[in-house]
Structures are given as structure tokens and as C-alpha cells.
Amino acid sequence: METEASRGFVVAEMNTHHFMFRGAGRNRETARAALLNAWRVHRTALLARYPERTDSIPDEAGMEQHFKIYYLEFEADAGYRDGERIV
């Protein structure tokens, strides 16, 4: 039997200077992990092209020291306007 908790999901968002990163999961922890994985992949690709920027592009361990992570919580099959459930 499906519970209400299993019907929801969370989106973690982080707006950097150039990109909006998002990660989705069943809770804040898994959404944050998905977001930071996306950042890790992005950072790795950047450093492959610009290895001299290693010190200026933060790794995922300390992201909250550089950028705020916001969490949006949703329920499946629900309608939202600006993050507020209306249906």
C-alpha cells in the first residue's frame, strides 16, 4: 500500500553565477545529494578544460558556504503555482 510520504518528492535548487542546478529525491537529503552530484560532474568538466581554476571553483563539500540551496517539496499528481499547492 502506498503511503502519503511515498507520494511526495523534493527538488533542491542552487543558483550559481551562471547556472541553476537542481536535484530531485524522495526527501531533502536525497535531493541535495542529486544536486551536488550534478555540481560535481559540472566542476569536473570545467576543471578538465581549465585546470588552473581548481582553487576558484569550490567542490561539493562546502557548497553552502558559496551558494544557498533551496528546497521545494511537492506531492505527486498535485498542481502548484509559485511553489504553493492549488490543486
C-alpha atoms as a PDB file:
ATOM      1  CA  MET A   1       0.000   0.000   0.000  1.00  0.00           C
ATOM      2  CA  GLU A   2       1.295   3.428  -0.961  1.00  0.00           C
ATOM      3  CA  THR A   3       1.614   5.977   1.838  1.00  0.00           C
ATOM      4  CA  GLU A   4       1.366   9.747   1.598  1.00  0.00           C
ATOM      5  CA  ALA A   5       5.095  10.070   2.331  1.00  0.00           C
ATOM      6  CA  SER A   6       5.967   7.975  -0.706  1.00  0.00           C
ATOM      7  CA  ARG A   7       3.846  10.184  -2.965  1.00  0.00           C
ATOM      8  CA  GLY A   8       5.983  13.241  -2.382  1.00  0.00           C
ATOM      9  CA  PHE A   9       9.322  14.396  -3.685  1.00  0.00           C
ATOM     10  CA  VAL A  10      11.713  17.254  -3.072  1.00  0.00           C
ATOM     11  CA  VAL A  11      13.614  19.429  -5.517  1.00  0.00           C
ATOM     12  CA  ALA A  12      16.823  21.069  -4.320  1.00  0.00           C
ATOM     13  CA  GLU A  13      17.831  24.198  -6.258  1.00  0.00           C
ATOM     14  CA  MET A  14      21.082  26.122  -6.276  1.00  0.00           C
ATOM     15  CA  ASN A  15      21.543  29.234  -8.389  1.00  0.00           C
ATOM     16  CA  THR A  16      25.208  29.912  -9.162  1.00  0.00           C
ATOM     17  CA  HIS A  17      26.602  32.867 -11.080  1.00  0.00           C
ATOM     18  CA  HIS A  18      25.843  31.243 -14.427  1.00  0.00           C
ATOM     19  CA  PHE A  19      23.542  28.234 -13.938  1.00  0.00           C
ATOM     20  CA  MET A  20      20.580  26.893 -11.991  1.00  0.00           C
ATOM     21  CA  PHE A  21      21.334  23.418 -10.657  1.00  0.00           C
ATOM     22  CA  ARG A  22      18.562  21.093  -9.496  1.00  0.00           C
ATOM     23  CA  GLY A  23      18.371  17.704  -7.883  1.00  0.00           C
ATOM     24  CA  ALA A  24      15.276  15.648  -7.113  1.00  0.00           C
ATOM     25  CA  GLY A  25      14.707  12.989  -4.494  1.00  0.00           C
ATOM     26  CA  ARG A  26      12.242  11.476  -2.053  1.00  0.00           C
ATOM     27  CA  ASN A  27      13.473  13.788   0.721  1.00  0.00           C
ATOM     28  CA  ARG A  28      15.821  16.737   1.256  1.00  0.00           C
ATOM     29  CA  GLU A  29      18.845  14.527   1.779  1.00  0.00           C
ATOM     30  CA  THR A  30      18.482  12.634  -1.495  1.00  0.00           C
ATOM     31  CA  ALA A  31      17.567  15.799  -3.423  1.00  0.00           C
ATOM     32  CA  ARG A  32      20.665  17.542  -2.027  1.00  0.00           C
ATOM     33  CA  ALA A  33      22.831  14.538  -2.966  1.00  0.00           C
ATOM     34  CA  ALA A  34      21.487  14.595  -6.544  1.00  0.00           C
ATOM     35  CA  LEU A  35      22.102  18.353  -6.798  1.00  0.00           C
ATOM     36  CA  LEU A  36      25.657  18.042  -5.508  1.00  0.00           C
ATOM     37  CA  ASN A  37      26.299  15.158  -7.894  1.00  0.00           C
ATOM     38  CA  ALA A  38      25.272  17.434 -10.772  1.00  0.00           C
ATOM     39  CA  TRP A  39      27.641  20.106  -9.430  1.00  0.00           C
ATOM     40  CA  ARG A  40      30.464  17.538  -9.159  1.00  0.00           C
ATOM     41  CA  VAL A  41      30.007  16.486 -12.802  1.00  0.00           C
ATOM     42  CA  HIS A  42      29.897  20.143 -13.898  1.00  0.00           C
ATOM     43  CA  ARG A  43      33.005  21.037 -11.880  1.00  0.00           C
ATOM     44  CA  THR A  44      34.925  18.026 -13.191  1.00  0.00           C
ATOM     45  CA  ALA A  45      34.171  19.034 -16.784  1.00  0.00           C
ATOM     46  CA  LEU A  46      35.231  22.628 -16.117  1.00  0.00           C
ATOM     47  CA  LEU A  47      38.481  21.579 -14.480  1.00  0.00           C
ATOM     48  CA  ALA A  48      39.277  19.276 -17.385  1.00  0.00           C
ATOM     49  CA  ARG A  49      39.234  22.372 -19.596  1.00  0.00           C
ATOM     50  CA  TYR A  50      40.635  24.865 -17.065  1.00  0.00           C
ATOM     51  CA  PRO A  51      42.816  23.037 -14.520  1.00  0.00           C
ATOM     52  CA  GLU A  52      44.258  26.319 -13.302  1.00  0.00           C
ATOM     53  CA  ARG A  53      40.861  27.169 -11.752  1.00  0.00           C
ATOM     54  CA  THR A  54      40.939  24.359  -9.184  1.00  0.00           C
ATOM     55  CA  ASP A  55      41.172  26.787  -6.266  1.00  0.00           C
ATOM     56  CA  SER A  56      38.446  29.138  -7.536  1.00  0.00           C
ATOM     57  CA  ILE A  57      35.738  26.548  -8.289  1.00  0.00           C
ATOM     58  CA  PRO A  58      34.533  25.052  -4.998  1.00  0.00           C
ATOM     59  CA  ASP A  59      33.988  21.343  -4.597  1.00  0.00           C
ATOM     60  CA  GLU A  60      30.639  19.957  -3.460  1.00  0.00           C
ATOM     61  CA  ALA A  61      31.697  19.517   0.170  1.00  0.00           C
ATOM     62  CA  GLY A  62      31.358  23.199   1.022  1.00  0.00           C
ATOM     63  CA  MET A  63      28.747  24.440  -1.427  1.00  0.00           C
ATOM     64  CA  GLU A  64      26.556  26.069   1.222  1.00  0.00           C
ATOM     65  CA  GLN A  65      29.484  28.383   2.037  1.00  0.00           C
ATOM     66  CA  HIS A  66      29.236  29.744  -1.521  1.00  0.00           C
ATOM     67  CA  PHE A  67      25.631  29.299  -2.664  1.00  0.00           C
ATOM     68  CA  LYS A  68      22.270  28.871  -0.950  1.00  0.00           C
ATOM     69  CA  ILE A  69      20.380  25.629  -1.579  1.00  0.00           C
ATOM     70  CA  TYR A  70      16.584  25.948  -1.590  1.00  0.00           C
ATOM     71  CA  TYR A  71      14.209  23.033  -1.152  1.00  0.00           C
ATOM     72  CA  LEU A  72      10.831  22.748  -2.862  1.00  0.00           C
ATOM     73  CA  GLU A  73       8.531  19.989  -1.625  1.00  0.00           C
ATOM     74  CA  PHE A  74       5.877  18.532  -3.903  1.00  0.00           C
ATOM     75  CA  GLU A  75       3.225  15.837  -3.872  1.00  0.00           C
ATOM     76  CA  ALA A  76       2.638  13.621  -6.890  1.00  0.00           C
ATOM     77  CA  ASP A  77      -0.422  14.458  -9.010  1.00  0.00           C
ATOM     78  CA  ALA A  78      -0.761  17.911  -7.449  1.00  0.00           C
ATOM     79  CA  GLY A  79      -0.831  21.295  -9.175  1.00  0.00           C
ATOM     80  CA  TYR A  80       1.284  24.209  -7.974  1.00  0.00           C
ATOM     81  CA  ARG A  81       1.587  27.937  -8.572  1.00  0.00           C
ATOM     82  CA  ASP A  82       4.845  29.506  -7.407  1.00  0.00           C
ATOM     83  CA  GLY A  83       5.502  26.598  -5.048  1.00  0.00           C
ATOM     84  CA  GLU A  84       2.046  26.677  -3.445  1.00  0.00           C
ATOM     85  CA  ARG A  85      -0.262  23.711  -3.993  1.00  0.00           C
ATOM     86  CA  ILE A  86      -3.543  24.834  -5.538  1.00  0.00           C
ATOM     87  CA  VAL A  87      -4.961  21.519  -6.809  1.00  0.00           C
END
